[in-house]
PDB file of all heavy atoms in Angstrom:
ATOM      1  N   SER A   1       0.820  -1.212   0.000  1.00  0.00           N
ATOM      2  CA  SER A   1       0.000   0.000   0.000  1.00  0.00           C
ATOM      3  C   SER A   1       0.855   1.264   0.000  1.00  0.00           C
ATOM      4  O   SER A   1       2.059   1.239   0.305  1.00  0.00           O
ATOM      5  CB  SER A   1      -0.911   0.008   1.223  1.00  0.00           C
ATOM      6  OG  SER A   1      -0.135   0.106   2.410  1.00  0.00           O
ATOM      7  N   VAL A   2       0.226   2.382  -0.347  1.00  0.00           N
ATOM      8  CA  VAL A   2       0.905   3.678  -0.303  1.00  0.00           C
ATOM      9  C   VAL A   2       1.395   3.962   1.116  1.00  0.00           C
ATOM     10  O   VAL A   2       2.528   4.411   1.321  1.00  0.00           O
ATOM     11  CB  VAL A   2      -0.048   4.799  -0.779  1.00  0.00           C
ATOM     12  CG1 VAL A   2       0.611   6.170  -0.610  1.00  0.00           C
ATOM     13  CG2 VAL A   2      -0.467   4.577  -2.221  1.00  0.00           C
ATOM     14  N   ALA A   3       0.545   3.675   2.094  1.00  0.00           N
ATOM     15  CA  ALA A   3       0.906   3.940   3.498  1.00  0.00           C
ATOM     16  C   ALA A   3       2.135   3.142   3.902  1.00  0.00           C
ATOM     17  O   ALA A   3       3.057   3.680   4.533  1.00  0.00           O
ATOM     18  CB  ALA A   3      -0.274   3.607   4.411  1.00  0.00           C
ATOM     19  N   ASN A   4       2.182   1.874   3.544  1.00  0.00           N
ATOM     20  CA  ASN A   4       3.334   1.044   3.918  1.00  0.00           C
ATOM     21  C   ASN A   4       4.616   1.518   3.250  1.00  0.00           C
ATOM     22  O   ASN A   4       5.695   1.473   3.842  1.00  0.00           O
ATOM     23  CB  ASN A   4       3.074  -0.415   3.552  1.00  0.00           C
ATOM     24  CG  ASN A   4       2.089  -1.074   4.485  1.00  0.00           C
ATOM     25  OD1 ASN A   4       1.826  -0.595   5.579  1.00  0.00           O
ATOM     26  ND2 ASN A   4       1.504  -2.186   4.051  1.00  0.00           N
ATOM     27  N   ASN A   5       4.517   1.990   2.009  1.00  0.00           N
ATOM     28  CA  ASN A   5       5.694   2.518   1.327  1.00  0.00           C
ATOM     29  C   ASN A   5       6.222   3.768   2.015  1.00  0.00           C
ATOM     30  O   ASN A   5       7.432   3.986   2.068  1.00  0.00           O
ATOM     31  CB  ASN A   5       5.368   2.824  -0.139  1.00  0.00           C
ATOM     32  CG  ASN A   5       5.597   1.638  -1.043  1.00  0.00           C
ATOM     33  OD1 ASN A   5       6.730   1.347  -1.418  1.00  0.00           O
ATOM     34  ND2 ASN A   5       4.522   0.926  -1.371  1.00  0.00           N
ATOM     35  N   LEU A   6       5.326   4.569   2.557  1.00  0.00           N
ATOM     36  CA  LEU A   6       5.753   5.786   3.262  1.00  0.00           C
ATOM     37  C   LEU A   6       6.321   5.445   4.641  1.00  0.00           C
ATOM     38  O   LEU A   6       7.345   6.002   5.054  1.00  0.00           O
ATOM     39  CB  LEU A   6       4.572   6.752   3.395  1.00  0.00           C
ATOM     40  CG  LEU A   6       4.042   7.333   2.075  1.00  0.00           C
ATOM     41  CD1 LEU A   6       2.757   8.106   2.319  1.00  0.00           C
ATOM     42  CD2 LEU A   6       5.081   8.228   1.429  1.00  0.00           C
ATOM     43  N   LEU A   7       5.668   4.526   5.330  1.00  0.00           N
ATOM     44  CA  LEU A   7       6.105   4.164   6.680  1.00  0.00           C
ATOM     45  C   LEU A   7       7.449   3.449   6.693  1.00  0.00           C
ATOM     46  O   LEU A   7       8.049   3.279   7.753  1.00  0.00           O
ATOM     47  CB  LEU A   7       5.044   3.290   7.357  1.00  0.00           C
ATOM     48  CG  LEU A   7       3.737   3.987   7.696  1.00  0.00           C
ATOM     49  CD1 LEU A   7       2.705   2.988   8.200  1.00  0.00           C
ATOM     50  CD2 LEU A   7       3.972   5.073   8.747  1.00  0.00           C
ATOM     51  N   LEU A   8       7.915   3.059   5.514  1.00  0.00           N
ATOM     52  CA  LEU A   8       9.243   2.458   5.420  1.00  0.00           C
ATOM     53  C   LEU A   8      10.300   3.420   5.951  1.00  0.00           C
ATOM     54  O   LEU A   8      11.307   3.008   6.520  1.00  0.00           O
ATOM     55  CB  LEU A   8       9.536   2.089   3.962  1.00  0.00           C
ATOM     56  CG  LEU A   8      10.850   1.371   3.684  1.00  0.00           C
ATOM     57  CD1 LEU A   8      10.815  -0.038   4.283  1.00  0.00           C
ATOM     58  CD2 LEU A   8      11.099   1.294   2.183  1.00  0.00           C
ATOM     59  N   ALA A   9      10.069   4.714   5.780  1.00  0.00           N
ATOM     60  CA  ALA A   9      11.029   5.717   6.237  1.00  0.00           C
ATOM     61  C   ALA A   9      10.920   5.997   7.727  1.00  0.00           C
ATOM     62  O   ALA A   9      11.892   6.420   8.366  1.00  0.00           O
ATOM     63  CB  ALA A   9      10.823   7.026   5.466  1.00  0.00           C
ATOM     64  N   ASN A  10       9.746   5.763   8.299  1.00  0.00           N
ATOM     65  CA  ASN A  10       9.538   6.058   9.719  1.00  0.00           C
ATOM     66  C   ASN A  10       8.354   5.233  10.209  1.00  0.00           C
ATOM     67  O   ASN A  10       7.201   5.631  10.073  1.00  0.00           O
ATOM     68  CB  ASN A  10       9.282   7.557   9.919  1.00  0.00           C
ATOM     69  CG  ASN A  10       9.142   7.933  11.382  1.00  0.00           C
ATOM     70  OD1 ASN A  10       9.227   7.079  12.271  1.00  0.00           O
ATOM     71  ND2 ASN A  10       8.927   9.201  11.650  1.00  0.00           N
ATOM     72  N   GLU A  11       8.656   4.072  10.779  1.00  0.00           N
ATOM     73  CA  GLU A  11       7.597   3.139  11.184  1.00  0.00           C
ATOM     74  C   GLU A  11       6.692   3.706  12.268  1.00  0.00           C
ATOM     75  O   GLU A  11       5.548   3.294  12.401  1.00  0.00           O
ATOM     76  CB  GLU A  11       8.223   1.831  11.672  1.00  0.00           C
ATOM     77  CG  GLU A  11       8.944   1.054  10.585  1.00  0.00           C
ATOM     78  CD  GLU A  11       9.528  -0.246  11.096  1.00  0.00           C
ATOM     79  OE1 GLU A  11       9.443  -0.492  12.320  1.00  0.00           O
ATOM     80  OE2 GLU A  11      10.065  -1.021  10.282  1.00  0.00           O
ATOM     81  N   SER A  12       7.221   4.643  13.058  1.00  0.00           N
ATOM     82  CA  SER A  12       6.435   5.194  14.166  1.00  0.00           C
ATOM     83  C   SER A  12       5.619   6.425  13.768  1.00  0.00           C
ATOM     84  O   SER A  12       4.956   7.026  14.606  1.00  0.00           O
ATOM     85  CB  SER A  12       7.367   5.553  15.333  1.00  0.00           C
ATOM     86  OG  SER A  12       8.307   6.539  14.938  1.00  0.00           O
ATOM     87  N   ALA A  13       5.646   6.802  12.500  1.00  0.00           N
ATOM     88  CA  ALA A  13       4.919   7.994  12.060  1.00  0.00           C
ATOM     89  C   ALA A  13       3.409   7.795  12.215  1.00  0.00           C
ATOM     90  O   ALA A  13       2.886   6.700  11.966  1.00  0.00           O
ATOM     91  CB  ALA A  13       5.265   8.315  10.621  1.00  0.00           C
ATOM     92  N   SER A  14       2.735   8.848  12.607  1.00  0.00           N
ATOM     93  CA  SER A  14       1.282   8.781  12.789  1.00  0.00           C
ATOM     94  C   SER A  14       0.570   9.003  11.457  1.00  0.00           C
ATOM     95  O   SER A  14       1.177   9.427  10.466  1.00  0.00           O
ATOM     96  CB  SER A  14       0.835   9.847  13.783  1.00  0.00           C
ATOM     97  OG  SER A  14       1.089  11.146  13.264  1.00  0.00           O
ATOM     98  N   GLU A  15      -0.712   8.725  11.445  1.00  0.00           N
ATOM     99  CA  GLU A  15      -1.507   8.942  10.231  1.00  0.00           C
ATOM    100  C   GLU A  15      -1.499  10.411   9.831  1.00  0.00           C
ATOM    101  O   GLU A  15      -1.428  10.745   8.640  1.00  0.00           O
ATOM    102  CB  GLU A  15      -2.934   8.454  10.465  1.00  0.00           C
ATOM    103  CG  GLU A  15      -3.834   8.584   9.245  1.00  0.00           C
ATOM    104  CD  GLU A  15      -5.246   8.081   9.505  1.00  0.00           C
ATOM    105  OE1 GLU A  15      -5.461   7.469  10.575  1.00  0.00           O
ATOM    106  OE2 GLU A  15      -6.125   8.304   8.655  1.00  0.00           O
ATOM    107  N   ALA A  16      -1.535  11.273  10.824  1.00  0.00           N
ATOM    108  CA  ALA A  16      -1.518  12.714  10.549  1.00  0.00           C
ATOM    109  C   ALA A  16      -0.198  13.131   9.894  1.00  0.00           C
ATOM    110  O   ALA A  16      -0.178  13.959   8.978  1.00  0.00           O
ATOM    111  CB  ALA A  16      -1.733  13.495  11.847  1.00  0.00           C
ATOM    112  N   GLN A  17       0.923  12.557  10.363  1.00  0.00           N
ATOM    113  CA  GLN A  17       2.222  12.886   9.768  1.00  0.00           C
ATOM    114  C   GLN A  17       2.303  12.405   8.325  1.00  0.00           C
ATOM    115  O   GLN A  17       2.852  13.095   7.464  1.00  0.00           O
ATOM    116  CB  GLN A  17       3.342  12.256  10.597  1.00  0.00           C
ATOM    117  CG  GLN A  17       3.559  12.923  11.949  1.00  0.00           C
ATOM    118  CD  GLN A  17       4.606  12.177  12.782  1.00  0.00           C
ATOM    119  OE1 GLN A  17       4.487  10.973  13.007  1.00  0.00           O
ATOM    120  NE2 GLN A  17       5.613  12.903  13.233  1.00  0.00           N
ATOM    121  N   VAL A  18       1.770  11.213   8.068  1.00  0.00           N
ATOM    122  CA  VAL A  18       1.777  10.683   6.707  1.00  0.00           C
ATOM    123  C   VAL A  18       0.979  11.595   5.782  1.00  0.00           C
ATOM    124  O   VAL A  18       1.429  11.933   4.672  1.00  0.00           O
ATOM    125  CB  VAL A  18       1.206   9.249   6.688  1.00  0.00           C
ATOM    126  CG1 VAL A  18       0.972   8.782   5.253  1.00  0.00           C
ATOM    127  CG2 VAL A  18       2.140   8.288   7.404  1.00  0.00           C
ATOM    128  N   LYS A  19      -0.188  12.001   6.211  1.00  0.00           N
ATOM    129  CA  LYS A  19      -1.017  12.880   5.384  1.00  0.00           C
ATOM    130  C   LYS A  19      -0.373  14.245   5.198  1.00  0.00           C
ATOM    131  O   LYS A  19      -0.474  14.857   4.128  1.00  0.00           O
ATOM    132  CB  LYS A  19      -2.408  13.025   6.005  1.00  0.00           C
ATOM    133  CG  LYS A  19      -3.234  11.734   5.949  1.00  0.00           C
ATOM    134  CD  LYS A  19      -4.616  11.935   6.550  1.00  0.00           C
ATOM    135  CE  LYS A  19      -5.441  10.646   6.436  1.00  0.00           C
ATOM    136  NZ  LYS A  19      -6.785  10.794   7.034  1.00  0.00           N
ATOM    137  N   ALA A  20       0.329  14.714   6.226  1.00  0.00           N
ATOM    138  CA  ALA A  20       0.976  16.033   6.144  1.00  0.00           C
ATOM    139  C   ALA A  20       2.057  16.049   5.066  1.00  0.00           C
ATOM    140  O   ALA A  20       2.138  16.995   4.269  1.00  0.00           O
ATOM    141  CB  ALA A  20       1.562  16.403   7.505  1.00  0.00           C
ATOM    142  N   VAL A  21       2.897  15.017   5.022  1.00  0.00           N
ATOM    143  CA  VAL A  21       3.959  15.016   4.007  1.00  0.00           C
ATOM    144  C   VAL A  21       3.369  14.817   2.615  1.00  0.00           C
ATOM    145  O   VAL A  21       3.898  15.342   1.627  1.00  0.00           O
ATOM    146  CB  VAL A  21       5.021  13.936   4.312  1.00  0.00           C
ATOM    147  CG1 VAL A  21       5.735  14.249   5.617  1.00  0.00           C
ATOM    148  CG2 VAL A  21       4.431  12.525   4.336  1.00  0.00           C
ATOM    149  N   MET A  22       2.279  14.070   2.512  1.00  0.00           N
ATOM    150  CA  MET A  22       1.646  13.896   1.205  1.00  0.00           C
ATOM    151  C   MET A  22       1.005  15.199   0.725  1.00  0.00           C
ATOM    152  O   MET A  22       0.948  15.457  -0.485  1.00  0.00           O
ATOM    153  CB  MET A  22       0.613  12.770   1.271  1.00  0.00           C
ATOM    154  CG  MET A  22       1.229  11.382   1.391  1.00  0.00           C
ATOM    155  SD  MET A  22       2.146  10.905  -0.099  1.00  0.00           S
ATOM    156  CE  MET A  22       0.810  10.330  -1.143  1.00  0.00           C
ATOM    157  N   LYS A  23       0.547  16.017   1.651  1.00  0.00           N
ATOM    158  CA  LYS A  23       0.033  17.337   1.269  1.00  0.00           C
ATOM    159  C   LYS A  23       1.164  18.226   0.789  1.00  0.00           C
ATOM    160  O   LYS A  23       0.998  19.019  -0.151  1.00  0.00           O
ATOM    161  CB  LYS A  23      -0.685  17.975   2.458  1.00  0.00           C
ATOM    162  CG  LYS A  23      -2.035  17.326   2.778  1.00  0.00           C
ATOM    163  CD  LYS A  23      -2.677  17.967   4.003  1.00  0.00           C
ATOM    164  CE  LYS A  23      -4.017  17.286   4.324  1.00  0.00           C
ATOM    165  NZ  LYS A  23      -4.647  17.850   5.555  1.00  0.00           N
ATOM    166  N   GLN A  24       2.349  18.088   1.424  1.00  0.00           N
ATOM    167  CA  GLN A  24       3.506  18.870   1.005  1.00  0.00           C
ATOM    168  C   GLN A  24       3.914  18.561  -0.434  1.00  0.00           C
ATOM    169  O   GLN A  24       4.321  19.461  -1.176  1.00  0.00           O
ATOM    170  CB  GLN A  24       4.705  18.608   1.930  1.00  0.00           C
ATOM    171  CG  GLN A  24       4.635  19.341   3.260  1.00  0.00           C
ATOM    172  CD  GLN A  24       5.897  19.121   4.072  1.00  0.00           C
ATOM    173  OE1 GLN A  24       5.979  18.201   4.882  1.00  0.00           O
ATOM    174  NE2 GLN A  24       6.884  19.961   3.847  1.00  0.00           N
ATOM    175  N   VAL A  25       3.797  17.297  -0.805  1.00  0.00           N
ATOM    176  CA  VAL A  25       4.191  16.924  -2.177  1.00  0.00           C
ATOM    177  C   VAL A  25       2.999  16.941  -3.125  1.00  0.00           C
ATOM    178  O   VAL A  25       3.101  16.478  -4.265  1.00  0.00           O
ATOM    179  CB  VAL A  25       4.864  15.529  -2.195  1.00  0.00           C
ATOM    180  CG1 VAL A  25       6.094  15.525  -1.314  1.00  0.00           C
ATOM    181  CG2 VAL A  25       3.904  14.424  -1.762  1.00  0.00           C
ATOM    182  N   LYS A  26       1.852  17.428  -2.646  1.00  0.00           N
ATOM    183  CA  LYS A  26       0.657  17.649  -3.463  1.00  0.00           C
ATOM    184  C   LYS A  26       0.088  16.346  -4.046  1.00  0.00           C
ATOM    185  O   LYS A  26      -0.303  16.286  -5.203  1.00  0.00           O
ATOM    186  CB  LYS A  26       0.976  18.637  -4.594  1.00  0.00           C
ATOM    187  CG  LYS A  26       1.490  19.977  -4.103  1.00  0.00           C
ATOM    188  CD  LYS A  26       1.899  20.874  -5.247  1.00  0.00           C
ATOM    189  CE  LYS A  26       2.483  22.188  -4.734  1.00  0.00           C
ATOM    190  NZ  LYS A  26       2.930  23.078  -5.830  1.00  0.00           N
ATOM    191  N   LEU A  27       0.047  15.321  -3.207  1.00  0.00           N
ATOM    192  CA  LEU A  27      -0.532  14.047  -3.639  1.00  0.00           C
ATOM    193  C   LEU A  27      -1.640  13.555  -2.714  1.00  0.00           C
ATOM    194  O   LEU A  27      -2.248  12.528  -2.987  1.00  0.00           O
ATOM    195  CB  LEU A  27       0.555  12.958  -3.714  1.00  0.00           C
ATOM    196  CG  LEU A  27       1.388  12.870  -4.990  1.00  0.00           C
ATOM    197  CD1 LEU A  27       2.330  11.686  -4.915  1.00  0.00           C
ATOM    198  CD2 LEU A  27       0.509  12.757  -6.229  1.00  0.00           C
ATOM    199  N   HIS A  28      -1.897  14.276  -1.645  1.00  0.00           N
ATOM    200  CA  HIS A  28      -2.897  13.809  -0.681  1.00  0.00           C
ATOM    201  C   HIS A  28      -4.272  13.667  -1.319  1.00  0.00           C
ATOM    202  O   HIS A  28      -4.950  12.642  -1.139  1.00  0.00           O
ATOM    203  CB  HIS A  28      -2.977  14.772   0.502  1.00  0.00           C
ATOM    204  CG  HIS A  28      -4.132  14.479   1.421  1.00  0.00           C
ATOM    205  ND1 HIS A  28      -4.171  13.378   2.239  1.00  0.00           N
ATOM    206  CD2 HIS A  28      -5.317  15.140   1.612  1.00  0.00           C
ATOM    207  CE1 HIS A  28      -5.310  13.363   2.918  1.00  0.00           C
ATOM    208  NE2 HIS A  28      -6.020  14.419   2.554  1.00  0.00           N
ATOM    209  N   ASP A  29      -4.685  14.674  -2.083  1.00  0.00           N
ATOM    210  CA  ASP A  29      -6.027  14.631  -2.679  1.00  0.00           C
ATOM    211  C   ASP A  29      -6.154  13.465  -3.648  1.00  0.00           C
ATOM    212  O   ASP A  29      -7.196  12.786  -3.694  1.00  0.00           O
ATOM    213  CB  ASP A  29      -6.316  15.952  -3.403  1.00  0.00           C
ATOM    214  CG  ASP A  29      -6.457  17.117  -2.427  1.00  0.00           C
ATOM    215  OD1 ASP A  29      -6.708  16.850  -1.235  1.00  0.00           O
ATOM    216  OD2 ASP A  29      -6.291  18.272  -2.856  1.00  0.00           O
ATOM    217  N   LEU A  30      -5.099  13.206  -4.427  1.00  0.00           N
ATOM    218  CA  LEU A  30      -5.146  12.111  -5.385  1.00  0.00           C
ATOM    219  C   LEU A  30      -5.295  10.763  -4.673  1.00  0.00           C
ATOM    220  O   LEU A  30      -6.141   9.941  -5.049  1.00  0.00           O
ATOM    221  CB  LEU A  30      -3.874  12.110  -6.241  1.00  0.00           C
ATOM    222  CG  LEU A  30      -3.692  10.901  -7.169  1.00  0.00           C
ATOM    223  CD1 LEU A  30      -4.791  10.884  -8.235  1.00  0.00           C
ATOM    224  CD2 LEU A  30      -2.311  10.925  -7.833  1.00  0.00           C
ATOM    225  N   VAL A  31      -4.478  10.538  -3.647  1.00  0.00           N
ATOM    226  CA  VAL A  31      -4.518   9.259  -2.937  1.00  0.00           C
ATOM    227  C   VAL A  31      -5.816   9.125  -2.149  1.00  0.00           C
ATOM    228  O   VAL A  31      -6.434   8.056  -2.129  1.00  0.00           O
ATOM    229  CB  VAL A  31      -3.298   9.119  -2.007  1.00  0.00           C
ATOM    230  CG1 VAL A  31      -3.392   7.851  -1.167  1.00  0.00           C
ATOM    231  CG2 VAL A  31      -2.009   9.111  -2.821  1.00  0.00           C
ATOM    232  N   ALA A  32      -6.232  10.196  -1.497  1.00  0.00           N
ATOM    233  CA  ALA A  32      -7.455  10.147  -0.695  1.00  0.00           C
ATOM    234  C   ALA A  32      -8.688   9.893  -1.550  1.00  0.00           C
ATOM    235  O   ALA A  32      -9.690   9.348  -1.065  1.00  0.00           O
ATOM    236  CB  ALA A  32      -7.612  11.456   0.082  1.00  0.00           C
TER     237      ALA A  32
END
């Protein structure tokens, strides 16, 4: 999944942190 690919960099990251970085790279709306 997209989430698992992101959590590879930081397993302890929260859902909010994952969504925050995806908003920074302008992909949150597409994935959501």
